[in-house]
Amino acid sequence: MMLVAIVAELLEQYTALLVRVLHQMFHAPPFPWRLRFLVR
């Protein structure tokens, strides 16, 4: 049961981080450059 709580916490933090990164990426001026940098 403890493992489920740990996994849920990690998933929550990961999702929050992903949302923040995507938000910054889409609202930053050099969008195509950042996209190319991430894809590489």
PDB file of N, CA and C in Angstrom:
ATOM      1  N   MET A   1       0.839  -1.203   0.000  1.00  0.00           N
ATOM      2  CA  MET A   1       0.000   0.000   0.000  1.00  0.00           C
ATOM      3  C   MET A   1       0.878   1.259   0.000  1.00  0.00           C
ATOM      4  N   MET A   2       1.995   1.169   0.709  1.00  0.00           N
ATOM      5  CA  MET A   2       2.925   2.296   0.774  1.00  0.00           C
ATOM      6  C   MET A   2       3.488   2.608  -0.612  1.00  0.00           C
ATOM      7  N   LEU A   3       3.764   1.565  -1.379  1.00  0.00           N
ATOM      8  CA  LEU A   3       4.329   1.722  -2.718  1.00  0.00           C
ATOM      9  C   LEU A   3       3.376   2.507  -3.623  1.00  0.00           C
ATOM     10  N   VAL A   4       2.088   2.224  -3.509  1.00  0.00           N
ATOM     11  CA  VAL A   4       1.083   2.926  -4.314  1.00  0.00           C
ATOM     12  C   VAL A   4       1.109   4.419  -4.004  1.00  0.00           C
ATOM     13  N   ALA A   5       1.240   4.763  -2.732  1.00  0.00           N
ATOM     14  CA  ALA A   5       1.290   6.172  -2.317  1.00  0.00           C
ATOM     15  C   ALA A   5       2.526   6.864  -2.892  1.00  0.00           C
ATOM     16  N   ILE A   6       3.653   6.167  -2.862  1.00  0.00           N
ATOM     17  CA  ILE A   6       4.910   6.717  -3.388  1.00  0.00           C
ATOM     18  C   ILE A   6       4.803   6.946  -4.894  1.00  0.00           C
ATOM     19  N   VAL A   7       4.284   5.960  -5.608  1.00  0.00           N
ATOM     20  CA  VAL A   7       4.126   6.072  -7.059  1.00  0.00           C
ATOM     21  C   VAL A   7       3.172   7.216  -7.406  1.00  0.00           C
ATOM     22  N   ALA A   8       2.080   7.339  -6.676  1.00  0.00           N
ATOM     23  CA  ALA A   8       1.117   8.414  -6.915  1.00  0.00           C
ATOM     24  C   ALA A   8       1.762   9.781  -6.704  1.00  0.00           C
ATOM     25  N   GLU A   9       2.573   9.901  -5.654  1.00  0.00           N
ATOM     26  CA  GLU A   9       3.265  11.163  -5.359  1.00  0.00           C
ATOM     27  C   GLU A   9       4.247  11.516  -6.472  1.00  0.00           C
ATOM     28  N   LEU A  10       5.017  10.543  -6.920  1.00  0.00           N
ATOM     29  CA  LEU A  10       5.986  10.767  -7.996  1.00  0.00           C
ATOM     30  C   LEU A  10       5.281  11.162  -9.289  1.00  0.00           C
ATOM     31  N   LEU A  11       4.193  10.473  -9.590  1.00  0.00           N
ATOM     32  CA  LEU A  11       3.435  10.755 -10.808  1.00  0.00           C
ATOM     33  C   LEU A  11       2.874  12.175 -10.766  1.00  0.00           C
ATOM     34  N   GLU A  12       2.405  12.586  -9.604  1.00  0.00           N
ATOM     35  CA  GLU A  12       1.849  13.927  -9.426  1.00  0.00           C
ATOM     36  C   GLU A  12       2.924  14.988  -9.666  1.00  0.00           C
ATOM     37  N   GLN A  13       4.108  14.782  -9.090  1.00  0.00           N
ATOM     38  CA  GLN A  13       5.216  15.724  -9.259  1.00  0.00           C
ATOM     39  C   GLN A  13       5.668  15.759 -10.713  1.00  0.00           C
ATOM     40  N   TYR A  14       5.757  14.586 -11.349  1.00  0.00           N
ATOM     41  CA  TYR A  14       6.184  14.490 -12.739  1.00  0.00           C
ATOM     42  C   TYR A  14       5.209  15.216 -13.664  1.00  0.00           C
ATOM     43  N   THR A  15       3.916  15.035 -13.413  1.00  0.00           N
ATOM     44  CA  THR A  15       2.892  15.694 -14.221  1.00  0.00           C
ATOM     45  C   THR A  15       2.981  17.207 -14.074  1.00  0.00           C
ATOM     46  N   ALA A  16       3.169  17.678 -12.841  1.00  0.00           N
ATOM     47  CA  ALA A  16       3.292  19.118 -12.588  1.00  0.00           C
ATOM     48  C   ALA A  16       4.505  19.689 -13.310  1.00  0.00           C
ATOM     49  N   LEU A  17       5.608  18.960 -13.270  1.00  0.00           N
ATOM     50  CA  LEU A  17       6.835  19.394 -13.946  1.00  0.00           C
ATOM     51  C   LEU A  17       6.633  19.444 -15.455  1.00  0.00           C
ATOM     52  N   LEU A  18       5.986  18.413 -15.985  1.00  0.00           N
ATOM     53  CA  LEU A  18       5.729  18.334 -17.423  1.00  0.00           C
ATOM     54  C   LEU A  18       4.855  19.506 -17.888  1.00  0.00           C
ATOM     55  N   VAL A  19       3.825  19.803 -17.127  1.00  0.00           N
ATOM     56  CA  VAL A  19       2.932  20.919 -17.449  1.00  0.00           C
ATOM     57  C   VAL A  19       3.708  22.239 -17.455  1.00  0.00           C
ATOM     58  N   ARG A  20       4.577  22.415 -16.457  1.00  0.00           N
ATOM     59  CA  ARG A  20       5.368  23.645 -16.355  1.00  0.00           C
ATOM     60  C   ARG A  20       6.319  23.777 -17.546  1.00  0.00           C
ATOM     61  N   VAL A  21       6.980  22.688 -17.901  1.00  0.00           N
ATOM     62  CA  VAL A  21       7.918  22.691 -19.034  1.00  0.00           C
ATOM     63  C   VAL A  21       7.186  22.999 -20.342  1.00  0.00           C
ATOM     64  N   LEU A  22       6.047  22.345 -20.561  1.00  0.00           N
ATOM     65  CA  LEU A  22       5.267  22.583 -21.780  1.00  0.00           C
ATOM     66  C   LEU A  22       4.777  24.026 -21.833  1.00  0.00           C
ATOM     67  N   HIS A  23       4.340  24.542 -20.692  1.00  0.00           N
ATOM     68  CA  HIS A  23       3.849  25.915 -20.620  1.00  0.00           C
ATOM     69  C   HIS A  23       4.955  26.897 -20.993  1.00  0.00           C
ATOM     70  N   GLN A  24       6.142  26.717 -20.424  1.00  0.00           N
ATOM     71  CA  GLN A  24       7.286  27.586 -20.720  1.00  0.00           C
ATOM     72  C   GLN A  24       7.667  27.474 -22.190  1.00  0.00           C
ATOM     73  N   MET A  25       7.659  26.246 -22.703  1.00  0.00           N
ATOM     74  CA  MET A  25       8.059  25.989 -24.079  1.00  0.00           C
ATOM     75  C   MET A  25       7.132  26.701 -25.072  1.00  0.00           C
ATOM     76  N   PHE A  26       5.827  26.616 -24.823  1.00  0.00           N
ATOM     77  CA  PHE A  26       4.869  27.211 -25.748  1.00  0.00           C
ATOM     78  C   PHE A  26       4.775  28.724 -25.625  1.00  0.00           C
ATOM     79  N   HIS A  27       5.165  29.278 -24.479  1.00  0.00           N
ATOM     80  CA  HIS A  27       5.056  30.723 -24.286  1.00  0.00           C
ATOM     81  C   HIS A  27       6.384  31.447 -24.470  1.00  0.00           C
ATOM     82  N   ALA A  28       7.456  30.690 -24.693  1.00  0.00           N
ATOM     83  CA  ALA A  28       8.763  31.309 -24.940  1.00  0.00           C
ATOM     84  C   ALA A  28       8.826  31.797 -26.388  1.00  0.00           C
ATOM     85  N   PRO A  29       9.498  32.925 -26.634  1.00  0.00           N
ATOM     86  CA  PRO A  29       9.577  33.474 -28.001  1.00  0.00           C
ATOM     87  C   PRO A  29      10.228  32.545 -29.032  1.00  0.00           C
ATOM     88  N   PRO A  30      11.421  31.970 -28.765  1.00  0.00           N
ATOM     89  CA  PRO A  30      12.032  31.125 -29.809  1.00  0.00           C
ATOM     90  C   PRO A  30      11.469  29.704 -29.796  1.00  0.00           C
ATOM     91  N   PHE A  31      10.188  29.571 -30.110  1.00  0.00           N
ATOM     92  CA  PHE A  31       9.531  28.258 -30.035  1.00  0.00           C
ATOM     93  C   PHE A  31      10.148  27.196 -30.947  1.00  0.00           C
ATOM     94  N   PRO A  32      10.363  27.460 -32.239  1.00  0.00           N
ATOM     95  CA  PRO A  32      10.911  26.417 -33.123  1.00  0.00           C
ATOM     96  C   PRO A  32      12.296  25.941 -32.687  1.00  0.00           C
ATOM     97  N   TRP A  33      13.131  26.881 -32.221  1.00  0.00           N
ATOM     98  CA  TRP A  33      14.477  26.516 -31.770  1.00  0.00           C
ATOM     99  C   TRP A  33      14.405  25.574 -30.571  1.00  0.00           C
ATOM    100  N   ARG A  34      13.528  25.898 -29.621  1.00  0.00           N
ATOM    101  CA  ARG A  34      13.391  25.056 -28.431  1.00  0.00           C
ATOM    102  C   ARG A  34      12.870  23.671 -28.812  1.00  0.00           C
ATOM    103  N   LEU A  35      11.937  23.630 -29.732  1.00  0.00           N
ATOM    104  CA  LEU A  35      11.374  22.359 -30.171  1.00  0.00           C
ATOM    105  C   LEU A  35      12.449  21.493 -30.816  1.00  0.00           C
ATOM    106  N   ARG A  36      13.248  22.108 -31.682  1.00  0.00           N
ATOM    107  CA  ARG A  36      14.346  21.371 -32.329  1.00  0.00           C
ATOM    108  C   ARG A  36      15.339  20.869 -31.288  1.00  0.00           C
ATOM    109  N   PHE A  37      15.624  21.699 -30.291  1.00  0.00           N
ATOM    110  CA  PHE A  37      16.576  21.339 -29.246  1.00  0.00           C
ATOM    111  C   PHE A  37      16.072  20.136 -28.444  1.00  0.00           C
ATOM    112  N   LEU A  38      14.781  20.120 -28.155  1.00  0.00           N
ATOM    113  CA  LEU A  38      14.200  19.012 -27.378  1.00  0.00           C
ATOM    114  C   LEU A  38      14.123  17.735 -28.178  1.00  0.00           C
ATOM    115  N   VAL A  39      13.821  17.854 -29.472  1.00  0.00           N
ATOM    116  CA  VAL A  39      13.667  16.668 -30.310  1.00  0.00           C
ATOM    117  C   VAL A  39      15.013  15.959 -30.526  1.00  0.00           C
ATOM    118  N   ARG A  40      16.097  16.752 -30.619  1.00  0.00           N
ATOM    119  CA  ARG A  40      17.404  16.180 -30.897  1.00  0.00           C
ATOM    120  C   ARG A  40      17.877  15.216 -29.840  1.00  0.00           C
TER     121      ARG A  40
END
